[in-house]
Amino acid sequence: SSGINAEYGENNKLESLPDELSNVCRLLTLSASGNRLTKIPPVVGSLQFLNDLLLFNNKISSIDMDVLGGCQSLIVLGLSNNRLKEIPGGISSLQHIRIIQLDGNSLTALPEELFNMS
């Protein structure tokens, strides 16, 4: 079956995403850019087929690997223009990740594991 792409409330004032998103079992792309998210919403962790998570231009200040770790199909992680200061080393556990967009944050260092990913 084909996958579903969701532009979920782009450029609104969302501070979270609804738990009902977990019912969309074949969600491949989720975009919620230009909102007021301060963290990656917990429901994201249940989206096991998600390929692209695009959360540009929010207020995300940390990455919870307990949430992101559920996204084992993730290929593109778009977190440009947020408030990140660090990236957890555990991000290297995402086996299919190919693109991590982090420009426009306040990063002072990147985890060494990022440079050892194949």
C-alpha atoms as a PDB file:
ATOM      1  CA  SER A   1       0.000   0.000   0.000  1.00  0.00           C
ATOM      2  CA  SER A   2       1.139   3.507  -0.616  1.00  0.00           C
ATOM      3  CA  GLY A   3       2.256   5.823   2.125  1.00  0.00           C
ATOM      4  CA  ILE A   4       0.735   9.039   3.358  1.00  0.00           C
ATOM      5  CA  ASN A   5       2.360  12.458   3.510  1.00  0.00           C
ATOM      6  CA  ALA A   6       1.050  14.973   6.034  1.00  0.00           C
ATOM      7  CA  GLU A   7       1.710  18.657   6.172  1.00  0.00           C
ATOM      8  CA  TYR A   8       0.403  19.079   9.624  1.00  0.00           C
ATOM      9  CA  GLY A   9      -0.412  22.634  10.475  1.00  0.00           C
ATOM     10  CA  GLU A  10       2.482  24.375   8.778  1.00  0.00           C
ATOM     11  CA  ASN A  11       2.935  27.985   9.867  1.00  0.00           C
ATOM     12  CA  ASN A  12       0.326  27.885  12.597  1.00  0.00           C
ATOM     13  CA  LYS A  13       0.811  28.261  16.329  1.00  0.00           C
ATOM     14  CA  LEU A  14       0.794  24.591  17.287  1.00  0.00           C
ATOM     15  CA  GLU A  15       2.583  23.709  20.521  1.00  0.00           C
ATOM     16  CA  SER A  16       2.011  19.967  20.113  1.00  0.00           C
ATOM     17  CA  LEU A  17       0.673  17.405  17.658  1.00  0.00           C
ATOM     18  CA  PRO A  18      -2.407  15.237  18.284  1.00  0.00           C
ATOM     19  CA  ASP A  19      -1.960  11.684  19.546  1.00  0.00           C
ATOM     20  CA  GLU A  20      -4.362  10.592  16.782  1.00  0.00           C
ATOM     21  CA  LEU A  21      -1.462  10.860  14.332  1.00  0.00           C
ATOM     22  CA  SER A  22      -0.336   7.463  15.647  1.00  0.00           C
ATOM     23  CA  ASN A  23      -3.426   5.988  13.917  1.00  0.00           C
ATOM     24  CA  VAL A  24      -1.960   6.914  10.521  1.00  0.00           C
ATOM     25  CA  CYS A  25       0.101   3.761  10.309  1.00  0.00           C
ATOM     26  CA  ARG A  26       1.734   4.429   6.942  1.00  0.00           C
ATOM     27  CA  LEU A  27       2.709   8.031   7.496  1.00  0.00           C
ATOM     28  CA  LEU A  28       5.921   8.595   5.490  1.00  0.00           C
ATOM     29  CA  THR A  29       6.402  12.364   5.696  1.00  0.00           C
ATOM     30  CA  LEU A  30       5.405  14.623   8.551  1.00  0.00           C
ATOM     31  CA  SER A  31       5.907  18.362   8.244  1.00  0.00           C
ATOM     32  CA  ALA A  32       4.991  20.719  11.061  1.00  0.00           C
ATOM     33  CA  SER A  33       7.334  23.593  10.293  1.00  0.00           C
ATOM     34  CA  GLY A  34       6.771  27.153  11.421  1.00  0.00           C
ATOM     35  CA  ASN A  35       4.976  26.371  14.663  1.00  0.00           C
ATOM     36  CA  ARG A  36       5.712  26.685  18.383  1.00  0.00           C
ATOM     37  CA  LEU A  37       6.880  23.167  19.144  1.00  0.00           C
ATOM     38  CA  THR A  38       9.430  23.141  21.971  1.00  0.00           C
ATOM     39  CA  LYS A  39      10.221  19.429  21.643  1.00  0.00           C
ATOM     40  CA  ILE A  40       9.705  16.625  19.175  1.00  0.00           C
ATOM     41  CA  PRO A  41       6.112  15.589  19.963  1.00  0.00           C
ATOM     42  CA  PRO A  42       5.863  12.195  21.728  1.00  0.00           C
ATOM     43  CA  VAL A  43       3.421  10.858  19.101  1.00  0.00           C
ATOM     44  CA  VAL A  44       6.298  10.926  16.593  1.00  0.00           C
ATOM     45  CA  GLY A  45       7.836   7.946  18.389  1.00  0.00           C
ATOM     46  CA  SER A  46       4.949   5.731  17.281  1.00  0.00           C
ATOM     47  CA  LEU A  47       5.433   6.491  13.572  1.00  0.00           C
ATOM     48  CA  GLN A  48       7.565   3.499  12.672  1.00  0.00           C
ATOM     49  CA  PHE A  49       7.346   3.987   8.887  1.00  0.00           C
ATOM     50  CA  LEU A  50       8.181   7.696   8.957  1.00  0.00           C
ATOM     51  CA  ASN A  51      10.889   8.600   6.410  1.00  0.00           C
ATOM     52  CA  ASP A  52      10.912  12.399   6.652  1.00  0.00           C
ATOM     53  CA  LEU A  53      10.380  14.446   9.808  1.00  0.00           C
ATOM     54  CA  LEU A  54      10.424  18.157   8.985  1.00  0.00           C
ATOM     55  CA  LEU A  55      10.191  20.477  11.968  1.00  0.00           C
ATOM     56  CA  PHE A  56      11.924  23.605  10.682  1.00  0.00           C
ATOM     57  CA  ASN A  57      11.324  26.997  12.293  1.00  0.00           C
ATOM     58  CA  ASN A  58      10.013  25.884  15.660  1.00  0.00           C
ATOM     59  CA  LYS A  59      11.336  26.371  19.201  1.00  0.00           C
ATOM     60  CA  ILE A  60      12.710  22.876  19.780  1.00  0.00           C
ATOM     61  CA  SER A  61      15.465  23.010  22.379  1.00  0.00           C
ATOM     62  CA  SER A  62      16.298  19.314  22.820  1.00  0.00           C
ATOM     63  CA  ILE A  63      16.017  15.947  21.098  1.00  0.00           C
ATOM     64  CA  ASP A  64      14.513  13.125  23.146  1.00  0.00           C
ATOM     65  CA  MET A  65      15.910   9.862  21.819  1.00  0.00           C
ATOM     66  CA  ASP A  66      13.159   7.948  23.659  1.00  0.00           C
ATOM     67  CA  VAL A  67      10.805   9.585  21.141  1.00  0.00           C
ATOM     68  CA  LEU A  68      13.029   9.675  18.066  1.00  0.00           C
ATOM     69  CA  GLY A  69      14.265   6.126  18.661  1.00  0.00           C
ATOM     70  CA  GLY A  70      10.842   4.829  17.623  1.00  0.00           C
ATOM     71  CA  CYS A  71      11.403   6.186  14.116  1.00  0.00           C
ATOM     72  CA  GLN A  72      13.608   3.412  12.814  1.00  0.00           C
ATOM     73  CA  SER A  73      12.725   4.168   9.169  1.00  0.00           C
ATOM     74  CA  LEU A  74      13.754   7.823   9.401  1.00  0.00           C
ATOM     75  CA  ILE A  75      15.895   9.057   6.495  1.00  0.00           C
ATOM     76  CA  VAL A  76      15.588  12.860   6.729  1.00  0.00           C
ATOM     77  CA  LEU A  77      15.478  14.803   9.996  1.00  0.00           C
ATOM     78  CA  GLY A  78      14.857  18.504   9.416  1.00  0.00           C
ATOM     79  CA  LEU A  79      15.474  20.613  12.513  1.00  0.00           C
ATOM     80  CA  SER A  80      16.834  23.832  11.002  1.00  0.00           C
ATOM     81  CA  ASN A  81      16.060  27.108  12.751  1.00  0.00           C
ATOM     82  CA  ASN A  82      15.203  25.798  16.184  1.00  0.00           C
ATOM     83  CA  ARG A  83      16.845  26.305  19.591  1.00  0.00           C
ATOM     84  CA  LEU A  84      19.028  23.220  19.803  1.00  0.00           C
ATOM     85  CA  LYS A  85      22.272  23.518  21.753  1.00  0.00           C
ATOM     86  CA  GLU A  86      23.341  19.883  21.447  1.00  0.00           C
ATOM     87  CA  ILE A  87      22.604  16.692  19.546  1.00  0.00           C
ATOM     88  CA  PRO A  88      22.448  13.404  21.496  1.00  0.00           C
ATOM     89  CA  GLY A  89      24.987  10.764  20.512  1.00  0.00           C
ATOM     90  CA  GLY A  90      22.138   8.261  20.354  1.00  0.00           C
ATOM     91  CA  ILE A  91      21.062   9.792  17.060  1.00  0.00           C
ATOM     92  CA  SER A  92      23.522   7.403  15.420  1.00  0.00           C
ATOM     93  CA  SER A  93      21.178   4.542  16.386  1.00  0.00           C
ATOM     94  CA  LEU A  94      18.848   5.640  13.576  1.00  0.00           C
ATOM     95  CA  GLN A  95      20.116   3.145  11.029  1.00  0.00           C
ATOM     96  CA  HIS A  96      18.627   4.673   7.874  1.00  0.00           C
ATOM     97  CA  ILE A  97      19.238   8.350   8.585  1.00  0.00           C
ATOM     98  CA  ARG A  98      20.976  10.092   5.697  1.00  0.00           C
ATOM     99  CA  ILE A  99      20.230  13.804   6.124  1.00  0.00           C
ATOM    100  CA  ILE A 100      20.126  15.799   9.354  1.00  0.00           C
ATOM    101  CA  GLN A 101      19.470  19.496   8.812  1.00  0.00           C
ATOM    102  CA  LEU A 102      20.625  21.578  11.761  1.00  0.00           C
ATOM    103  CA  ASP A 103      21.462  25.025  10.401  1.00  0.00           C
ATOM    104  CA  GLY A 104      20.132  28.000  12.336  1.00  0.00           C
ATOM    105  CA  ASN A 105      20.535  26.445  15.786  1.00  0.00           C
ATOM    106  CA  SER A 106      22.899  27.259  18.661  1.00  0.00           C
ATOM    107  CA  LEU A 107      25.021  24.129  18.453  1.00  0.00           C
ATOM    108  CA  THR A 108      28.458  24.284  20.034  1.00  0.00           C
ATOM    109  CA  ALA A 109      29.527  20.745  19.111  1.00  0.00           C
ATOM    110  CA  LEU A 110      28.358  17.622  17.298  1.00  0.00           C
ATOM    111  CA  PRO A 111      28.575  14.112  18.775  1.00  0.00           C
ATOM    112  CA  GLU A 112      31.527  12.097  17.540  1.00  0.00           C
ATOM    113  CA  GLU A 113      29.153   9.255  16.613  1.00  0.00           C
ATOM    114  CA  LEU A 114      27.775  11.359  13.753  1.00  0.00           C
ATOM    115  CA  PHE A 115      31.091  11.146  11.945  1.00  0.00           C
ATOM    116  CA  ASN A 116      31.253   7.368  12.218  1.00  0.00           C
ATOM    117  CA  MET A 117      27.880   6.652  10.618  1.00  0.00           C
ATOM    118  CA  SER A 118      27.976   4.662   7.408  1.00  0.00           C
END
